[in-house]
Amino acid sequence: MYLVVDNTVLSNFALVGRIDLLAQLSPRHLMMAEDAWNEWLTGVRIGRLPSNDLPWLAVIRLDESEQNRRDEFMPPLDIGEAACLALALSRGCALMTDDLIARREARRLGVPLSGTIGALISLMDDQLLTLAEANRLLRQMIVMGYRSPLQSL
């Protein structure tokens, strides 16, 4: 299944220096809406996020109907989350976000959903991380500002 990742999940992994792990979740099937990508680039430009080469991440420009749907989600969603949700909804993809409001809206619309915790669990299930490694990453993410619902996996 294709996964649409938003800036919150991408940032959590980037801030702990393990953005490479996201590429292993769904090789050649990970995408981000262009509006969210622009948020990412702003974070890099102002020094909030580390610069990374992400050739495995497809950046998708929304078509007109997807743009209209995105606009319906704003507010309360910001443009990045709204665009990622519109993309996932229209193309039958799962959404990866930690944004509480985006998660509620995705559930309401029946969009398959995951986030940083789900990504870490999937990486453990695929034996790409041990429980100890995943918990270490989670603790580092929390230190970097991730408001995790869990303190450990």
N, C-alpha and C. Protein backbone atom coordinates (compact mmCIF):
# COMPACT_ATOMS: atom_id res chain seq x y z
N MET A 1 0.84 -1.19 0.00
CA MET A 1 0.00 0.00 0.00
C MET A 1 0.88 1.24 0.00
N TYR A 2 0.44 2.24 -0.72
CA TYR A 2 1.14 3.52 -0.73
C TYR A 2 0.88 4.24 0.59
N LEU A 3 1.88 4.93 1.08
CA LEU A 3 1.78 5.70 2.32
C LEU A 3 2.02 7.17 2.03
N VAL A 4 1.15 8.01 2.55
CA VAL A 4 1.34 9.46 2.47
C VAL A 4 1.85 9.91 3.83
N VAL A 5 3.04 10.44 3.87
CA VAL A 5 3.65 10.88 5.12
C VAL A 5 3.56 12.40 5.21
N ASP A 6 3.24 12.90 6.38
CA ASP A 6 3.22 14.36 6.54
C ASP A 6 4.50 14.80 7.26
N ASN A 7 4.61 16.08 7.42
CA ASN A 7 5.83 16.68 7.96
C ASN A 7 6.11 16.27 9.40
N THR A 8 5.08 15.98 10.20
CA THR A 8 5.32 15.64 11.60
C THR A 8 6.11 14.34 11.73
N VAL A 9 5.71 13.33 11.00
CA VAL A 9 6.39 12.03 11.07
C VAL A 9 7.78 12.13 10.45
N LEU A 10 7.87 12.75 9.29
CA LEU A 10 9.16 12.92 8.62
C LEU A 10 10.14 13.66 9.54
N SER A 11 9.66 14.69 10.19
CA SER A 11 10.51 15.49 11.08
C SER A 11 10.99 14.69 12.28
N ASN A 12 10.11 13.89 12.88
CA ASN A 12 10.51 13.10 14.04
C ASN A 12 11.69 12.20 13.72
N PHE A 13 11.65 11.54 12.58
CA PHE A 13 12.74 10.65 12.20
C PHE A 13 13.98 11.44 11.78
N ALA A 14 13.79 12.57 11.13
CA ALA A 14 14.94 13.38 10.71
C ALA A 14 15.68 13.96 11.90
N LEU A 15 14.95 14.39 12.90
CA LEU A 15 15.58 15.05 14.05
C LEU A 15 16.44 14.11 14.89
N VAL A 16 16.22 12.80 14.74
CA VAL A 16 17.07 11.84 15.45
C VAL A 16 18.05 11.16 14.50
N GLY A 17 18.17 11.69 13.29
CA GLY A 17 19.14 11.19 12.34
C GLY A 17 18.83 9.84 11.74
N ARG A 18 17.55 9.46 11.72
CA ARG A 18 17.17 8.14 11.19
C ARG A 18 16.03 8.23 10.18
N ILE A 19 16.04 9.27 9.38
CA ILE A 19 15.02 9.41 8.34
C ILE A 19 15.09 8.26 7.35
N ASP A 20 16.25 7.63 7.25
CA ASP A 20 16.43 6.49 6.36
C ASP A 20 15.47 5.34 6.69
N LEU A 21 15.07 5.24 7.95
CA LEU A 21 14.17 4.16 8.34
C LEU A 21 12.81 4.27 7.65
N LEU A 22 12.35 5.49 7.39
CA LEU A 22 11.05 5.65 6.73
C LEU A 22 11.07 5.06 5.33
N ALA A 23 12.21 5.17 4.66
CA ALA A 23 12.32 4.61 3.32
C ALA A 23 12.14 3.10 3.33
N GLN A 24 12.43 2.47 4.44
CA GLN A 24 12.33 1.01 4.54
C GLN A 24 10.92 0.53 4.87
N LEU A 25 10.05 1.45 5.27
CA LEU A 25 8.67 1.06 5.59
C LEU A 25 7.91 0.57 4.37
N SER A 26 8.06 1.29 3.29
CA SER A 26 7.32 0.98 2.07
C SER A 26 8.16 1.42 0.88
N PRO A 27 9.19 0.64 0.56
CA PRO A 27 10.11 1.06 -0.52
C PRO A 27 9.36 1.41 -1.80
N ARG A 28 9.71 2.54 -2.35
CA ARG A 28 9.15 3.06 -3.60
C ARG A 28 7.66 3.36 -3.51
N HIS A 29 7.11 3.38 -2.30
CA HIS A 29 5.68 3.63 -2.14
C HIS A 29 5.39 4.70 -1.09
N LEU A 30 6.33 5.57 -0.84
CA LEU A 30 6.14 6.63 0.15
C LEU A 30 6.04 7.96 -0.57
N MET A 31 5.01 8.72 -0.24
CA MET A 31 4.80 10.01 -0.91
C MET A 31 4.41 11.08 0.09
N MET A 32 4.54 12.31 -0.37
CA MET A 32 4.19 13.48 0.44
C MET A 32 3.56 14.51 -0.49
N ALA A 33 2.53 15.18 -0.01
CA ALA A 33 1.92 16.25 -0.79
C ALA A 33 2.90 17.43 -0.89
N GLU A 34 2.89 18.08 -2.02
CA GLU A 34 3.81 19.19 -2.26
C GLU A 34 3.69 20.28 -1.18
N ASP A 35 2.49 20.55 -0.71
CA ASP A 35 2.31 21.57 0.33
C ASP A 35 3.05 21.18 1.61
N ALA A 36 3.02 19.91 1.97
CA ALA A 36 3.76 19.44 3.15
C ALA A 36 5.27 19.48 2.88
N TRP A 37 5.66 19.15 1.66
CA TRP A 37 7.07 19.22 1.27
C TRP A 37 7.59 20.64 1.43
N ASN A 38 6.78 21.62 1.06
CA ASN A 38 7.18 23.02 1.20
C ASN A 38 7.37 23.39 2.67
N GLU A 39 6.54 22.83 3.55
CA GLU A 39 6.74 23.03 4.99
C GLU A 39 8.08 22.44 5.42
N TRP A 40 8.37 21.24 4.93
CA TRP A 40 9.64 20.58 5.23
C TRP A 40 10.81 21.47 4.79
N LEU A 41 10.74 21.95 3.55
CA LEU A 41 11.82 22.79 3.03
C LEU A 41 12.00 24.07 3.84
N THR A 42 10.91 24.64 4.31
CA THR A 42 11.01 25.82 5.18
C THR A 42 11.74 25.46 6.46
N GLY A 43 11.42 24.33 7.06
CA GLY A 43 12.11 23.87 8.26
C GLY A 43 13.60 23.69 8.03
N VAL A 44 13.97 23.15 6.88
CA VAL A 44 15.38 22.98 6.54
C VAL A 44 16.05 24.35 6.36
N ARG A 45 15.36 25.22 5.62
CA ARG A 45 15.92 26.55 5.32
C ARG A 45 16.18 27.37 6.59
N ILE A 46 15.31 27.27 7.59
CA ILE A 46 15.50 28.06 8.81
C ILE A 46 16.34 27.33 9.86
N GLY A 47 16.81 26.12 9.51
CA GLY A 47 17.69 25.39 10.40
C GLY A 47 16.99 24.57 11.47
N ARG A 48 15.69 24.45 11.39
CA ARG A 48 14.93 23.64 12.36
C ARG A 48 15.07 22.15 12.06
N LEU A 49 15.24 21.81 10.78
CA LEU A 49 15.35 20.42 10.34
C LEU A 49 16.66 20.22 9.59
N PRO A 50 17.25 19.04 9.71
CA PRO A 50 18.49 18.78 8.97
C PRO A 50 18.20 18.56 7.49
N SER A 51 19.12 18.98 6.67
CA SER A 51 19.00 18.74 5.24
C SER A 51 19.25 17.26 4.96
N ASN A 52 18.43 16.67 4.14
CA ASN A 52 18.55 15.25 3.80
C ASN A 52 18.27 15.05 2.32
N ASP A 53 18.92 14.06 1.75
CA ASP A 53 18.63 13.64 0.39
C ASP A 53 17.55 12.57 0.49
N LEU A 54 16.40 12.80 -0.12
CA LEU A 54 15.25 11.89 0.02
C LEU A 54 14.75 11.41 -1.35
N PRO A 55 15.59 10.72 -2.12
CA PRO A 55 15.17 10.29 -3.47
C PRO A 55 14.04 9.27 -3.44
N TRP A 56 13.82 8.63 -2.32
CA TRP A 56 12.78 7.61 -2.18
C TRP A 56 11.41 8.21 -1.87
N LEU A 57 11.35 9.50 -1.63
CA LEU A 57 10.09 10.17 -1.29
C LEU A 57 9.54 10.88 -2.52
N ALA A 58 8.37 10.43 -2.98
CA ALA A 58 7.72 11.08 -4.12
C ALA A 58 6.94 12.29 -3.62
N VAL A 59 7.23 13.45 -4.19
CA VAL A 59 6.51 14.67 -3.84
C VAL A 59 5.43 14.87 -4.91
N ILE A 60 4.17 14.90 -4.45
CA ILE A 60 3.03 14.90 -5.36
C ILE A 60 2.30 16.24 -5.33
N ARG A 61 2.10 16.79 -6.51
CA ARG A 61 1.27 18.00 -6.65
C ARG A 61 -0.18 17.57 -6.75
N LEU A 62 -1.01 18.15 -5.93
CA LEU A 62 -2.44 17.80 -5.93
C LEU A 62 -3.10 18.25 -7.22
N ASP A 63 -4.02 17.43 -7.72
CA ASP A 63 -4.82 17.86 -8.87
C ASP A 63 -5.92 18.81 -8.36
N GLU A 64 -6.69 19.33 -9.24
CA GLU A 64 -7.68 20.35 -8.87
C GLU A 64 -8.70 19.84 -7.85
N SER A 65 -9.20 18.63 -8.04
CA SER A 65 -10.18 18.11 -7.08
C SER A 65 -9.54 17.87 -5.71
N GLU A 66 -8.29 17.44 -5.70
CA GLU A 66 -7.58 17.25 -4.43
C GLU A 66 -7.31 18.58 -3.75
N GLN A 67 -7.01 19.61 -4.54
CA GLN A 67 -6.82 20.95 -3.97
C GLN A 67 -8.11 21.46 -3.34
N ASN A 68 -9.22 21.21 -4.01
CA ASN A 68 -10.51 21.63 -3.46
C ASN A 68 -10.79 20.92 -2.14
N ARG A 69 -10.49 19.62 -2.08
CA ARG A 69 -10.69 18.86 -0.85
C ARG A 69 -9.77 19.37 0.24
N ARG A 70 -8.51 19.64 -0.12
CA ARG A 70 -7.54 20.20 0.84
C ARG A 70 -8.11 21.47 1.46
N ASP A 71 -8.62 22.34 0.60
CA ASP A 71 -9.14 23.62 1.08
C ASP A 71 -10.33 23.45 2.02
N GLU A 72 -11.12 22.39 1.82
CA GLU A 72 -12.25 22.11 2.72
C GLU A 72 -11.79 21.72 4.11
N PHE A 73 -10.57 21.17 4.22
CA PHE A 73 -10.04 20.73 5.51
C PHE A 73 -9.40 21.87 6.31
N MET A 74 -9.26 23.05 5.67
CA MET A 74 -8.60 24.18 6.35
C MET A 74 -9.63 25.24 6.71
N PRO A 75 -9.54 25.87 7.85
CA PRO A 75 -9.08 25.23 9.06
C PRO A 75 -10.03 24.11 9.45
N PRO A 76 -9.72 23.29 10.36
CA PRO A 76 -8.73 23.42 11.42
C PRO A 76 -7.34 22.90 11.04
N LEU A 77 -7.22 22.12 9.95
CA LEU A 77 -5.90 21.62 9.58
C LEU A 77 -5.08 22.71 8.92
N ASP A 78 -3.75 22.61 9.07
CA ASP A 78 -2.91 23.52 8.31
C ASP A 78 -2.75 22.94 6.92
N ILE A 79 -2.12 23.67 6.04
CA ILE A 79 -2.08 23.29 4.63
C ILE A 79 -1.36 21.96 4.40
N GLY A 80 -0.30 21.69 5.13
CA GLY A 80 0.43 20.44 4.93
C GLY A 80 -0.39 19.22 5.29
N GLU A 81 -0.98 19.22 6.48
CA GLU A 81 -1.80 18.08 6.90
C GLU A 81 -3.03 17.96 6.01
N ALA A 82 -3.64 19.09 5.68
CA ALA A 82 -4.83 19.06 4.82
C ALA A 82 -4.50 18.47 3.45
N ALA A 83 -3.36 18.85 2.90
CA ALA A 83 -2.96 18.33 1.58
C ALA A 83 -2.66 16.84 1.64
N CYS A 84 -1.97 16.40 2.69
CA CYS A 84 -1.66 14.98 2.83
C CYS A 84 -2.93 14.16 3.01
N LEU A 85 -3.87 14.66 3.80
CA LEU A 85 -5.13 13.96 3.99
C LEU A 85 -5.90 13.89 2.68
N ALA A 86 -5.98 14.99 1.95
CA ALA A 86 -6.68 14.99 0.66
C ALA A 86 -6.04 14.01 -0.31
N LEU A 87 -4.72 13.95 -0.33
CA LEU A 87 -4.00 13.03 -1.21
C LEU A 87 -4.29 11.58 -0.83
N ALA A 88 -4.19 11.26 0.44
CA ALA A 88 -4.46 9.89 0.90
C ALA A 88 -5.90 9.48 0.60
N LEU A 89 -6.82 10.38 0.86
CA LEU A 89 -8.24 10.09 0.64
C LEU A 89 -8.53 9.84 -0.84
N SER A 90 -8.04 10.71 -1.70
CA SER A 90 -8.39 10.60 -3.12
C SER A 90 -7.69 9.44 -3.82
N ARG A 91 -6.51 9.05 -3.32
CA ARG A 91 -5.74 8.01 -4.01
C ARG A 91 -5.74 6.67 -3.28
N GLY A 92 -6.55 6.56 -2.23
CA GLY A 92 -6.69 5.29 -1.53
C GLY A 92 -5.43 4.84 -0.80
N CYS A 93 -4.74 5.80 -0.22
CA CYS A 93 -3.50 5.51 0.50
C CYS A 93 -3.72 5.60 2.01
N ALA A 94 -2.77 5.07 2.75
CA ALA A 94 -2.75 5.26 4.20
C ALA A 94 -2.07 6.60 4.49
N LEU A 95 -2.48 7.23 5.58
CA LEU A 95 -1.90 8.50 6.00
C LEU A 95 -1.05 8.29 7.23
N MET A 96 0.15 8.84 7.22
CA MET A 96 1.04 8.82 8.39
C MET A 96 1.14 10.23 8.93
N THR A 97 0.52 10.46 10.08
CA THR A 97 0.55 11.76 10.72
C THR A 97 0.45 11.58 12.24
N ASP A 98 1.01 12.53 12.95
CA ASP A 98 0.86 12.57 14.41
C ASP A 98 -0.05 13.71 14.83
N ASP A 99 -0.52 14.49 13.87
CA ASP A 99 -1.40 15.62 14.17
C ASP A 99 -2.77 15.09 14.62
N LEU A 100 -3.15 15.45 15.84
CA LEU A 100 -4.38 14.92 16.44
C LEU A 100 -5.62 15.23 15.60
N ILE A 101 -5.74 16.44 15.12
CA ILE A 101 -6.93 16.81 14.35
C ILE A 101 -6.95 16.08 13.01
N ALA A 102 -5.79 15.96 12.37
CA ALA A 102 -5.71 15.22 11.10
C ALA A 102 -6.06 13.75 11.32
N ARG A 103 -5.61 13.19 12.44
CA ARG A 103 -5.92 11.79 12.74
C ARG A 103 -7.43 11.60 12.95
N ARG A 104 -8.05 12.52 13.66
CA ARG A 104 -9.51 12.42 13.87
C ARG A 104 -10.26 12.48 12.55
N GLU A 105 -9.85 13.41 11.69
CA GLU A 105 -10.52 13.57 10.40
C GLU A 105 -10.29 12.34 9.52
N ALA A 106 -9.09 11.79 9.53
CA ALA A 106 -8.80 10.59 8.74
C ALA A 106 -9.67 9.43 9.21
N ARG A 107 -9.79 9.26 10.52
CA ARG A 107 -10.64 8.18 11.07
C ARG A 107 -12.08 8.37 10.61
N ARG A 108 -12.56 9.61 10.70
CA ARG A 108 -13.94 9.91 10.30
C ARG A 108 -14.19 9.55 8.84
N LEU A 109 -13.17 9.76 8.01
CA LEU A 109 -13.30 9.51 6.57
C LEU A 109 -12.91 8.09 6.17
N GLY A 110 -12.48 7.29 7.12
CA GLY A 110 -12.11 5.91 6.82
C GLY A 110 -10.75 5.75 6.14
N VAL A 111 -9.88 6.73 6.32
CA VAL A 111 -8.54 6.66 5.73
C VAL A 111 -7.66 5.83 6.67
N PRO A 112 -6.99 4.78 6.16
CA PRO A 112 -6.06 4.02 7.00
C PRO A 112 -5.01 4.96 7.58
N LEU A 113 -4.62 4.72 8.82
CA LEU A 113 -3.86 5.71 9.57
C LEU A 113 -2.72 5.08 10.34
N SER A 114 -1.62 5.81 10.40
CA SER A 114 -0.49 5.45 11.24
C SER A 114 0.22 6.74 11.61
N GLY A 115 1.32 6.60 12.34
CA GLY A 115 2.11 7.76 12.73
C GLY A 115 3.48 7.30 13.15
N THR A 116 4.15 8.11 13.94
CA THR A 116 5.50 7.78 14.37
C THR A 116 5.53 6.47 15.17
N ILE A 117 4.61 6.30 16.11
CA ILE A 117 4.57 5.08 16.92
C ILE A 117 4.32 3.87 16.01
N GLY A 118 3.37 3.99 15.12
CA GLY A 118 3.07 2.90 14.19
C GLY A 118 4.26 2.57 13.31
N ALA A 119 4.99 3.61 12.88
CA ALA A 119 6.19 3.37 12.06
C ALA A 119 7.23 2.60 12.85
N LEU A 120 7.46 2.99 14.09
CA LEU A 120 8.44 2.28 14.91
C LEU A 120 8.03 0.82 15.13
N ILE A 121 6.75 0.60 15.37
CA ILE A 121 6.26 -0.78 15.56
C ILE A 121 6.42 -1.59 14.27
N SER A 122 6.10 -0.99 13.13
CA SER A 122 6.27 -1.69 11.85
C SER A 122 7.73 -2.04 11.60
N LEU A 123 8.62 -1.13 11.95
CA LEU A 123 10.05 -1.39 11.78
C LEU A 123 10.51 -2.53 12.68
N MET A 124 9.93 -2.63 13.87
CA MET A 124 10.23 -3.77 14.74
C MET A 124 9.64 -5.05 14.16
N ASP A 125 8.39 -4.99 13.69
CA ASP A 125 7.75 -6.16 13.11
C ASP A 125 8.55 -6.71 11.93
N ASP A 126 9.14 -5.80 11.15
CA ASP A 126 9.95 -6.19 9.99
C ASP A 126 11.39 -6.53 10.38
N GLN A 127 11.66 -6.53 11.68
CA GLN A 127 12.97 -6.84 12.24
C GLN A 127 14.07 -5.90 11.75
N LEU A 128 13.69 -4.65 11.50
CA LEU A 128 14.65 -3.63 11.13
C LEU A 128 15.14 -2.87 12.36
N LEU A 129 14.38 -2.96 13.45
CA LEU A 129 14.76 -2.39 14.74
C LEU A 129 14.43 -3.40 15.83
N THR A 130 15.25 -3.42 16.85
CA THR A 130 14.90 -4.18 18.05
C THR A 130 14.03 -3.29 18.93
N LEU A 131 13.41 -3.88 19.92
CA LEU A 131 12.62 -3.10 20.86
C LEU A 131 13.49 -2.05 21.55
N ALA A 132 14.68 -2.44 21.94
CA ALA A 132 15.60 -1.49 22.61
C ALA A 132 15.96 -0.33 21.69
N GLU A 133 16.23 -0.63 20.41
CA GLU A 133 16.57 0.44 19.46
C GLU A 133 15.38 1.37 19.23
N ALA A 134 14.19 0.78 19.08
CA ALA A 134 12.99 1.59 18.86
C ALA A 134 12.71 2.48 20.06
N ASN A 135 12.85 1.94 21.26
CA ASN A 135 12.64 2.75 22.46
C ASN A 135 13.68 3.86 22.59
N ARG A 136 14.92 3.58 22.20
CA ARG A 136 15.96 4.62 22.23
C ARG A 136 15.60 5.74 21.26
N LEU A 137 15.15 5.38 20.06
CA LEU A 137 14.73 6.40 19.09
C LEU A 137 13.54 7.20 19.61
N LEU A 138 12.57 6.50 20.20
CA LEU A 138 11.39 7.18 20.74
C LEU A 138 11.81 8.18 21.82
N ARG A 139 12.69 7.79 22.72
CA ARG A 139 13.16 8.71 23.77
C ARG A 139 13.87 9.92 23.16
N GLN A 140 14.67 9.68 22.13
CA GLN A 140 15.35 10.79 21.45
C GLN A 140 14.34 11.73 20.79
N MET A 141 13.32 11.17 20.16
CA MET A 141 12.28 11.98 19.52
C MET A 141 11.56 12.84 20.55
N ILE A 142 11.27 12.26 21.70
CA ILE A 142 10.59 13.01 22.76
C ILE A 142 11.47 14.17 23.22
N VAL A 143 12.76 13.93 23.39
CA VAL A 143 13.69 14.99 23.77
C VAL A 143 13.68 16.11 22.71
N MET A 144 13.53 15.72 21.44
CA MET A 144 13.55 16.70 20.35
C MET A 144 12.20 17.41 20.17
N GLY A 145 11.19 17.04 20.98
CA GLY A 145 9.93 17.76 20.92
C GLY A 145 8.71 16.95 20.53
N TYR A 146 8.88 15.67 20.20
CA TYR A 146 7.73 14.84 19.84
C TYR A 146 6.86 14.65 21.07
N ARG A 147 5.58 14.99 20.96
CA ARG A 147 4.64 14.80 22.05
C ARG A 147 4.00 13.42 21.91
N SER A 148 4.75 12.44 22.33
CA SER A 148 4.35 11.05 22.15
C SER A 148 3.26 10.67 23.16
N PRO A 149 2.31 9.84 22.72
CA PRO A 149 1.31 9.33 23.66
C PRO A 149 1.90 8.24 24.56
N LEU A 150 3.08 7.74 24.21
CA LEU A 150 3.74 6.67 24.98
C LEU A 150 5.15 7.11 25.35
N GLN A 151 5.62 6.62 26.48
CA GLN A 151 7.01 6.87 26.88
C GLN A 151 7.92 5.73 26.42
N SER A 152 7.33 4.56 26.17
CA SER A 152 8.10 3.44 25.64
C SER A 152 7.16 2.51 24.91
N LEU A 153 7.72 1.71 24.05
CA LEU A 153 6.94 0.77 23.26
C LEU A 153 6.79 -0.54 24.01
